[in-house]
Amino acid sequence: MSLTRLVEEMQRQYRQAKAEEHTRLQEIATITTIEFAEEAAGALDPRKHAYSFGAYLRLLSDLKTLLSAGMPQEMALDSVQTGLDAEKILSIWRMKR
């Protein structure tokens, strides 16, 4: 693969990942508020943590799952940062209710 094609592919992947981030944040804002979605994006920002952008997208997806299940916003945001997957978090949360 030529260097030009490599750069083009990396740019395509970057645009795709940013579009996915935007979609997930919009979905979270629809469930909660724009302010909470922005708070979540800031709290989970991969530049502040030792995980990849892909892991960040998974955390946003898990956050959406927790919120959709009715978990309170701040609890959901704290919970996704534990590293457990959404289903495990939900099973623990439901047992404690």
Protein backbone atom coordinates (compact mmCIF):
# COMPACT_ATOMS: atom_id res chain seq x y z
CA MET A 1 0.00 0.00 0.00
CA SER A 2 1.40 3.39 -0.92
CA LEU A 3 1.90 6.05 1.70
CA THR A 4 -0.84 8.16 0.11
CA ARG A 5 -3.34 5.32 0.32
CA LEU A 6 -2.32 4.62 3.89
CA VAL A 7 -2.92 8.25 4.85
CA GLU A 8 -6.25 8.27 3.02
CA GLU A 9 -7.34 5.10 4.83
CA MET A 10 -6.33 6.54 8.20
CA GLN A 11 -8.29 9.71 7.46
CA ARG A 12 -11.33 7.66 6.43
CA GLN A 13 -11.15 5.65 9.66
CA TYR A 14 -10.81 8.84 11.69
CA ARG A 15 -13.87 10.42 10.05
CA GLN A 16 -15.84 7.22 10.57
CA ALA A 17 -14.90 7.04 14.26
CA LYS A 18 -15.79 10.71 14.81
CA ALA A 19 -19.16 10.17 13.10
CA GLU A 20 -19.79 7.18 15.35
CA GLU A 21 -18.91 9.29 18.41
CA HIS A 22 -21.30 12.02 17.27
CA THR A 23 -24.12 9.51 16.76
CA ARG A 24 -23.63 7.92 20.17
CA LEU A 25 -23.51 11.28 21.93
CA GLN A 26 -26.69 12.33 20.13
CA GLU A 27 -28.39 9.12 21.28
CA ILE A 28 -27.29 9.80 24.88
CA ALA A 29 -28.54 13.39 24.62
CA THR A 30 -31.90 12.11 23.39
CA ILE A 31 -32.24 9.89 26.45
CA THR A 32 -30.92 12.52 28.88
CA THR A 33 -29.86 16.08 27.98
CA ILE A 34 -27.26 17.70 25.77
CA GLU A 35 -25.48 18.88 28.90
CA PHE A 36 -25.19 15.35 30.27
CA ALA A 37 -23.93 14.03 26.92
CA GLU A 38 -21.24 16.73 26.95
CA GLU A 39 -20.38 15.87 30.56
CA ALA A 40 -20.06 12.20 29.64
CA ALA A 41 -17.87 13.00 26.63
CA GLY A 42 -15.57 15.04 28.86
CA ALA A 43 -15.43 12.47 31.65
CA LEU A 44 -14.72 9.59 29.27
CA ASP A 45 -12.42 11.47 26.89
CA PRO A 46 -9.71 9.00 25.81
CA ARG A 47 -7.08 11.76 25.86
CA LYS A 48 -7.50 11.80 29.67
CA HIS A 49 -7.32 8.03 30.10
CA ALA A 50 -5.17 5.08 29.09
CA TYR A 51 -7.64 3.61 26.63
CA SER A 52 -8.15 3.89 22.89
CA PHE A 53 -10.78 5.79 20.97
CA GLY A 54 -12.42 2.44 20.22
CA ALA A 55 -12.69 1.73 23.94
CA TYR A 56 -14.20 5.19 24.41
CA LEU A 57 -16.85 4.37 21.81
CA ARG A 58 -17.64 1.13 23.65
CA LEU A 59 -18.00 3.07 26.90
CA LEU A 60 -20.43 5.47 25.23
CA SER A 61 -22.40 2.51 23.91
CA ASP A 62 -22.49 0.93 27.36
CA LEU A 63 -23.55 4.26 28.86
CA LYS A 64 -26.44 4.44 26.41
CA THR A 65 -27.46 0.90 27.36
CA LEU A 66 -27.43 1.72 31.09
CA LEU A 67 -29.41 4.91 30.59
CA SER A 68 -31.94 3.14 28.36
CA ALA A 69 -32.46 0.61 31.16
CA GLY A 70 -33.42 3.43 33.53
CA MET A 71 -30.23 3.78 35.53
CA PRO A 72 -29.77 7.30 36.94
CA GLN A 73 -27.37 9.44 34.89
CA GLU A 74 -24.54 9.95 37.34
CA MET A 75 -24.67 6.33 38.49
CA ALA A 76 -24.50 5.17 34.87
CA LEU A 77 -21.56 7.44 34.12
CA ASP A 78 -19.67 6.27 37.21
CA SER A 79 -20.52 2.64 36.48
CA VAL A 80 -19.19 2.54 32.91
CA GLN A 81 -15.85 3.75 34.22
CA THR A 82 -15.43 0.56 36.25
CA GLY A 83 -14.53 -1.40 33.13
CA LEU A 84 -17.35 -3.91 33.54
CA ASP A 85 -19.60 -4.47 30.54
CA ALA A 86 -23.11 -3.02 30.53
CA GLU A 87 -24.89 -6.34 31.11
CA LYS A 88 -22.80 -7.09 34.21
CA ILE A 89 -23.40 -3.58 35.56
CA LEU A 90 -27.14 -3.92 34.95
CA SER A 91 -27.33 -7.30 36.68
CA ILE A 92 -25.57 -5.88 39.77
CA TRP A 93 -27.73 -2.76 39.73
CA ARG A 94 -30.96 -4.77 39.43
CA MET A 95 -29.97 -7.06 42.33
CA LYS A 96 -29.41 -4.03 44.59
CA ARG A 97 -32.74 -2.38 43.77
